Amino acid sequence: MTDRMSLPPILAAKHPTAPSVFRPGNLLREARRQKNLPETSVSEICVLDPDGDLETELRRAGRARPDPDWPCYHTTLSRFTLGAEPFGLVPRAVGASFAVLEAEQLFASGCRLLLSVTSAGQIADLGPPPYFILIDRALRDEGTSYHYLPPAAFAAADAALVDAVQPALQGLAFPVHRGATWTTDAPFRETAAAIAAAAARGALAVEMEAAALYAFAQASGRAVLCFAHVTNQMAQAAGDFEKGEANGTTDLLHLLAAMARAWREYARKADHATESG
């Protein structure tokens, strides 16, 4: 038997099924008290936008407005609509721990589906960037996921949810692949050996949030879908990191609209099955 005291701190003294003393709802309660804010709900569908380009473009076009009642100490939240569907948008929550910090608070505030779309570096050559990957599992090379799930190589998305939304992606005018990514806390330590090891495990791209978000989702029973927007080849040559029209937001908005429609249908069927059962 492994001596738990000899484990590194990232694995030692972890009890993923035990309740936490510090709860997101309590943090939000105190933030509202200090800021004198009313208790309000976020949109049922929320988006994490680590690069912040989506918020920048929507605000510039007058299509998004800041929510003055979002109580989070660390971020702002904007609201926008696509068709008749309202969205909440949190920009610049970069990295595994920050992403899950926001995910916890969003779900405590009424979110039902969280979509994360993050820039990613190409590992497998699926064509010239930019393109998207619907992440179905992520290699756990970060710390946050080990607080939510026992040690394992990957954290996986809800397979039924991924299967349900994938057909909606096939009619889009740009490529959306499906597969694994490598989630790392240290982007500037993406060595040749580390990249080769991730590739050997099937990773198509490298990003910084998905493994932790999927571990959180699995542990809490929340609906989370992560996309890698493969925009670069790790700046190994000049001219990298080009996202496409309007910094990639034109395609991204079509992606989000398709996901909203697909999830609404999936949720409707799930709710009906629960009521019938």
Protein backbone atom coordinates (compact mmCIF):
# COMPACT_ATOMS: atom_id res chain seq x y z
CA MET A 1 0.00 0.00 0.00
CA THR A 2 1.30 3.45 -0.88
CA ASP A 3 2.22 5.56 2.12
CA ARG A 4 -0.04 8.58 1.68
CA MET A 5 2.36 10.68 3.73
CA SER A 6 5.05 10.06 1.10
CA LEU A 7 2.90 11.32 -1.76
CA PRO A 8 3.58 14.78 -3.17
CA PRO A 9 1.18 17.42 -1.83
CA ILE A 10 -0.67 17.55 -5.14
CA LEU A 11 -1.91 13.99 -4.46
CA ALA A 12 -1.75 13.72 -0.66
CA ALA A 13 -4.65 14.45 1.73
CA LYS A 14 -7.18 14.68 -1.07
CA HIS A 15 -10.73 13.51 -0.31
CA PRO A 16 -12.71 14.22 -3.49
CA THR A 17 -16.05 13.00 -2.15
CA ALA A 18 -15.89 14.95 1.12
CA PRO A 19 -17.90 18.19 1.35
CA SER A 20 -15.95 21.43 1.25
CA VAL A 21 -15.94 23.81 4.20
CA PHE A 22 -15.64 26.79 1.84
CA ARG A 23 -18.65 26.97 -0.48
CA PRO A 24 -19.18 29.22 -3.54
CA GLY A 25 -22.64 30.26 -2.42
CA ASN A 26 -21.25 31.53 0.87
CA LEU A 27 -18.56 33.53 -0.91
CA LEU A 28 -21.17 35.11 -3.17
CA ARG A 29 -23.37 35.90 -0.16
CA GLU A 30 -20.57 37.84 1.49
CA ALA A 31 -19.61 39.59 -1.73
CA ARG A 32 -23.19 40.76 -2.19
CA ARG A 33 -23.29 41.97 1.41
CA GLN A 34 -20.07 43.94 1.07
CA LYS A 35 -20.99 45.40 -2.32
CA ASN A 36 -24.66 45.96 -1.45
CA LEU A 37 -25.87 43.95 -4.44
CA PRO A 38 -29.18 42.15 -4.92
CA GLU A 39 -29.30 38.39 -5.34
CA THR A 40 -29.82 37.75 -9.05
CA SER A 41 -29.34 34.78 -11.38
CA VAL A 42 -27.03 34.48 -14.35
CA SER A 43 -28.21 33.17 -17.71
CA GLU A 44 -28.73 29.42 -17.90
CA ILE A 45 -25.99 29.19 -20.54
CA CYS A 46 -22.68 30.81 -19.65
CA VAL A 47 -19.39 31.04 -21.52
CA LEU A 48 -15.81 31.18 -20.30
CA ASP A 49 -13.72 33.26 -22.71
CA PRO A 50 -10.12 33.01 -21.47
CA ASP A 51 -8.66 35.19 -24.22
CA GLY A 52 -11.30 37.88 -23.77
CA ASP A 53 -11.67 38.44 -27.52
CA LEU A 54 -15.36 37.56 -27.59
CA GLU A 55 -16.23 40.06 -24.90
CA THR A 56 -14.07 42.73 -26.56
CA GLU A 57 -15.77 42.28 -29.94
CA LEU A 58 -19.30 42.11 -28.51
CA ARG A 59 -18.78 45.19 -26.35
CA ARG A 60 -17.26 47.05 -29.30
CA ALA A 61 -20.32 46.20 -31.41
CA GLY A 62 -22.73 47.18 -28.65
CA ARG A 63 -24.03 43.62 -28.39
CA ALA A 64 -22.95 42.88 -24.80
CA ARG A 65 -23.52 44.79 -21.59
CA PRO A 66 -21.82 44.35 -18.24
CA ASP A 67 -23.92 42.90 -15.43
CA PRO A 68 -23.63 45.35 -12.51
CA ASP A 69 -25.01 42.75 -10.07
CA TRP A 70 -22.39 40.04 -10.70
CA PRO A 71 -20.80 39.82 -7.23
CA CYS A 72 -17.62 37.88 -8.01
CA TYR A 73 -14.49 39.43 -6.49
CA HIS A 74 -12.28 38.42 -9.41
CA THR A 75 -14.17 38.87 -12.67
CA THR A 76 -16.76 40.80 -14.60
CA LEU A 77 -19.75 39.19 -16.30
CA SER A 78 -21.36 40.43 -19.50
CA ARG A 79 -24.73 39.47 -20.94
CA PHE A 80 -25.56 39.06 -24.62
CA THR A 81 -28.10 37.24 -26.76
CA LEU A 82 -27.94 35.05 -29.85
CA GLY A 83 -31.36 34.89 -31.43
CA ALA A 84 -33.64 34.60 -28.43
CA GLU A 85 -31.06 32.81 -26.24
CA PRO A 86 -29.45 34.84 -23.43
CA PHE A 87 -25.86 34.11 -22.48
CA GLY A 88 -23.57 35.07 -19.64
CA LEU A 89 -19.93 35.71 -20.51
CA VAL A 90 -16.91 35.71 -18.18
CA PRO A 91 -13.69 36.80 -19.91
CA ARG A 92 -10.03 36.19 -19.09
CA ALA A 93 -10.38 33.38 -16.56
CA VAL A 94 -7.16 31.72 -17.71
CA GLY A 95 -5.95 28.40 -16.37
CA ALA A 96 -7.44 25.43 -14.57
CA SER A 97 -7.86 26.86 -11.09
CA PHE A 98 -9.28 30.19 -12.27
CA ALA A 99 -11.71 28.46 -14.66
CA VAL A 100 -13.09 26.20 -11.93
CA LEU A 101 -13.25 29.08 -9.45
CA GLU A 102 -15.59 30.81 -11.89
CA ALA A 103 -17.48 27.62 -12.80
CA GLU A 104 -18.34 27.01 -9.14
CA GLN A 105 -19.72 30.52 -8.75
CA LEU A 106 -21.62 30.50 -12.04
CA PHE A 107 -23.43 27.26 -11.21
CA ALA A 108 -24.16 28.58 -7.72
CA SER A 109 -25.78 31.56 -9.46
CA GLY A 110 -28.16 29.70 -11.77
CA CYS A 111 -26.02 28.50 -14.68
CA ARG A 112 -27.13 25.16 -16.17
CA LEU A 113 -24.64 24.78 -19.03
CA LEU A 114 -21.10 26.13 -19.08
CA LEU A 115 -19.22 26.38 -22.36
CA SER A 116 -15.48 27.04 -22.34
CA VAL A 117 -13.70 28.03 -25.56
CA THR A 118 -9.97 28.48 -25.19
CA SER A 119 -7.06 29.06 -27.53
CA ALA A 120 -4.98 25.93 -27.97
CA GLY A 121 -1.72 24.86 -29.52
CA GLN A 122 -1.68 22.27 -32.27
CA ILE A 123 -0.23 18.85 -31.47
CA ALA A 124 -1.79 16.62 -34.13
CA ASP A 125 -1.88 18.08 -37.62
CA LEU A 126 -5.60 18.19 -38.43
CA GLY A 127 -5.08 20.94 -40.98
CA PRO A 128 -3.94 24.54 -40.86
CA PRO A 129 -5.23 26.57 -37.89
CA PRO A 130 -7.64 27.94 -36.95
CA TYR A 131 -10.14 25.17 -36.23
CA PHE A 132 -12.10 23.91 -33.23
CA ILE A 133 -11.98 20.69 -31.23
CA LEU A 134 -14.90 19.48 -29.12
CA ILE A 135 -12.89 18.08 -26.21
CA ASP A 136 -14.19 14.70 -25.06
CA ARG A 137 -11.36 14.04 -22.59
CA ALA A 138 -8.35 15.93 -21.29
CA LEU A 139 -5.00 14.77 -19.96
CA ARG A 140 -4.70 15.88 -16.34
CA ASP A 141 -1.38 17.71 -16.17
CA GLU A 142 -2.64 20.38 -13.75
CA GLY A 143 -3.49 20.51 -10.06
CA THR A 144 -7.14 21.45 -9.73
CA SER A 145 -8.68 18.23 -11.03
CA TYR A 146 -7.07 16.17 -8.25
CA HIS A 147 -9.22 17.98 -5.70
CA TYR A 148 -12.38 16.83 -7.51
CA LEU A 149 -11.57 13.31 -8.72
CA PRO A 150 -9.16 10.54 -7.70
CA PRO A 151 -5.92 10.32 -9.70
CA ALA A 152 -6.30 9.11 -13.30
CA ALA A 153 -4.73 10.02 -16.60
CA PHE A 154 -7.76 11.77 -18.10
CA ALA A 155 -10.85 13.69 -17.07
CA ALA A 156 -13.72 13.01 -19.45
CA ALA A 157 -16.70 14.99 -20.60
CA ASP A 158 -20.20 13.59 -20.16
CA ALA A 159 -20.28 11.20 -23.12
CA ALA A 160 -24.06 11.40 -23.53
CA LEU A 161 -23.92 15.18 -23.69
CA VAL A 162 -21.04 15.16 -26.19
CA ASP A 163 -22.84 12.63 -28.39
CA ALA A 164 -26.03 14.68 -28.24
CA VAL A 165 -24.48 17.98 -29.33
CA GLN A 166 -21.96 16.70 -31.87
CA PRO A 167 -24.42 16.46 -34.79
CA ALA A 168 -25.14 20.18 -34.44
CA LEU A 169 -21.51 20.89 -35.24
CA GLN A 170 -21.50 19.06 -38.54
CA GLY A 171 -23.49 21.71 -40.38
CA LEU A 172 -21.19 24.59 -39.49
CA ALA A 173 -19.11 26.30 -42.16
CA PHE A 174 -15.81 25.61 -40.39
CA PRO A 175 -14.18 22.43 -39.09
CA VAL A 176 -14.97 21.14 -35.61
CA HIS A 177 -13.13 17.95 -34.68
CA ARG A 178 -13.66 15.77 -31.61
CA GLY A 179 -10.97 14.30 -29.42
CA ALA A 180 -8.55 14.63 -26.53
CA THR A 181 -6.39 17.52 -25.39
CA TRP A 182 -3.57 17.96 -22.93
CA THR A 183 -4.30 20.39 -20.08
CA THR A 184 -1.18 21.95 -18.59
CA ASP A 185 -0.56 24.57 -15.93
CA ALA A 186 2.77 25.54 -17.47
CA PRO A 187 2.46 26.63 -21.12
CA PHE A 188 6.04 27.80 -21.28
CA ARG A 189 7.24 24.35 -20.21
CA GLU A 190 5.78 22.62 -23.26
CA THR A 191 9.00 20.80 -24.03
CA ALA A 192 9.51 18.52 -27.00
CA ALA A 193 9.44 15.50 -24.69
CA ALA A 194 6.23 16.62 -22.98
CA ILE A 195 4.53 17.29 -26.31
CA ALA A 196 5.57 13.86 -27.60
CA ALA A 197 4.24 12.20 -24.44
CA ALA A 198 0.89 13.96 -24.79
CA ALA A 199 0.72 13.03 -28.47
CA ALA A 200 1.39 9.39 -27.58
CA ARG A 201 -1.69 9.50 -25.33
CA GLY A 202 -3.81 10.81 -28.18
CA ALA A 203 -3.85 14.54 -27.41
CA LEU A 204 -4.73 16.63 -30.46
CA ALA A 205 -3.92 20.00 -28.88
CA VAL A 206 -2.73 21.63 -25.67
CA GLU A 207 -4.74 24.05 -23.53
CA MET A 208 -5.03 25.11 -19.89
CA GLU A 209 -8.56 24.49 -18.54
CA ALA A 210 -10.45 21.44 -19.80
CA ALA A 211 -9.22 18.70 -17.45
CA ALA A 212 -10.12 20.71 -14.37
CA LEU A 213 -13.50 21.78 -15.73
CA TYR A 214 -14.40 18.20 -16.62
CA ALA A 215 -13.29 16.93 -13.21
CA PHE A 216 -15.46 19.58 -11.57
CA ALA A 217 -18.37 18.68 -13.86
CA GLN A 218 -18.13 14.98 -13.13
CA ALA A 219 -17.80 15.47 -9.38
CA SER A 220 -20.67 17.95 -9.14
CA GLY A 221 -23.03 16.57 -11.79
CA ARG A 222 -22.88 19.80 -13.81
CA ALA A 223 -23.11 20.25 -17.57
CA VAL A 224 -19.83 21.52 -19.00
CA LEU A 225 -18.49 21.39 -22.55
CA CYS A 226 -15.01 22.53 -23.49
CA PHE A 227 -13.74 23.52 -26.92
CA ALA A 228 -10.17 24.05 -28.01
CA HIS A 229 -9.80 26.78 -30.61
CA VAL A 230 -6.59 25.64 -32.25
CA THR A 231 -5.04 28.91 -33.32
CA ASN A 232 -1.32 28.31 -33.14
CA GLN A 233 1.67 26.03 -33.47
CA MET A 234 3.21 27.38 -30.26
CA ALA A 235 4.70 30.42 -31.98
CA GLN A 236 7.50 28.40 -33.52
CA ALA A 237 7.35 30.65 -36.57
CA ALA A 238 6.25 34.22 -37.23
CA GLY A 239 2.64 34.81 -38.20
CA ASP A 240 1.13 32.45 -35.62
CA PHE A 241 -1.99 32.96 -33.44
CA GLU A 242 -4.28 34.13 -36.25
CA LYS A 243 -7.87 33.34 -35.22
CA GLY A 244 -9.84 34.36 -38.27
CA GLU A 245 -12.51 37.00 -38.88
CA ALA A 246 -13.03 39.40 -35.96
CA ASN A 247 -10.39 37.56 -33.93
CA GLY A 248 -12.28 34.32 -34.43
CA THR A 249 -15.48 35.57 -32.87
CA THR A 250 -17.59 35.29 -36.04
CA ASP A 251 -17.13 31.51 -36.09
CA LEU A 252 -17.34 31.31 -32.32
CA LEU A 253 -20.78 32.93 -32.23
CA HIS A 254 -22.06 30.39 -34.76
CA LEU A 255 -20.59 27.63 -32.59
CA LEU A 256 -22.26 28.96 -29.44
CA ALA A 257 -25.63 29.32 -31.15
CA ALA A 258 -25.45 25.72 -32.38
CA MET A 259 -24.51 24.49 -28.92
CA ALA A 260 -27.36 26.39 -27.28
CA ARG A 261 -29.93 24.85 -29.62
CA ALA A 262 -28.51 21.35 -29.23
CA TRP A 263 -28.32 21.59 -25.45
CA ARG A 264 -31.86 22.93 -25.14
CA GLU A 265 -33.14 19.89 -27.05
CA TYR A 266 -30.96 17.55 -24.98
CA ALA A 267 -32.15 19.14 -21.72
CA ARG A 268 -35.78 19.05 -22.84
CA LYS A 269 -35.56 15.31 -23.50
CA ALA A 270 -33.72 14.70 -20.22
CA ASP A 271 -36.30 16.69 -18.24
CA HIS A 272 -39.14 14.85 -19.95
CA ALA A 273 -37.55 11.48 -19.17
CA THR A 274 -37.16 12.49 -15.52
CA GLU A 275 -40.78 13.58 -15.27
CA SER A 276 -42.00 10.43 -16.99
CA GLY A 277 -39.86 8.21 -14.79
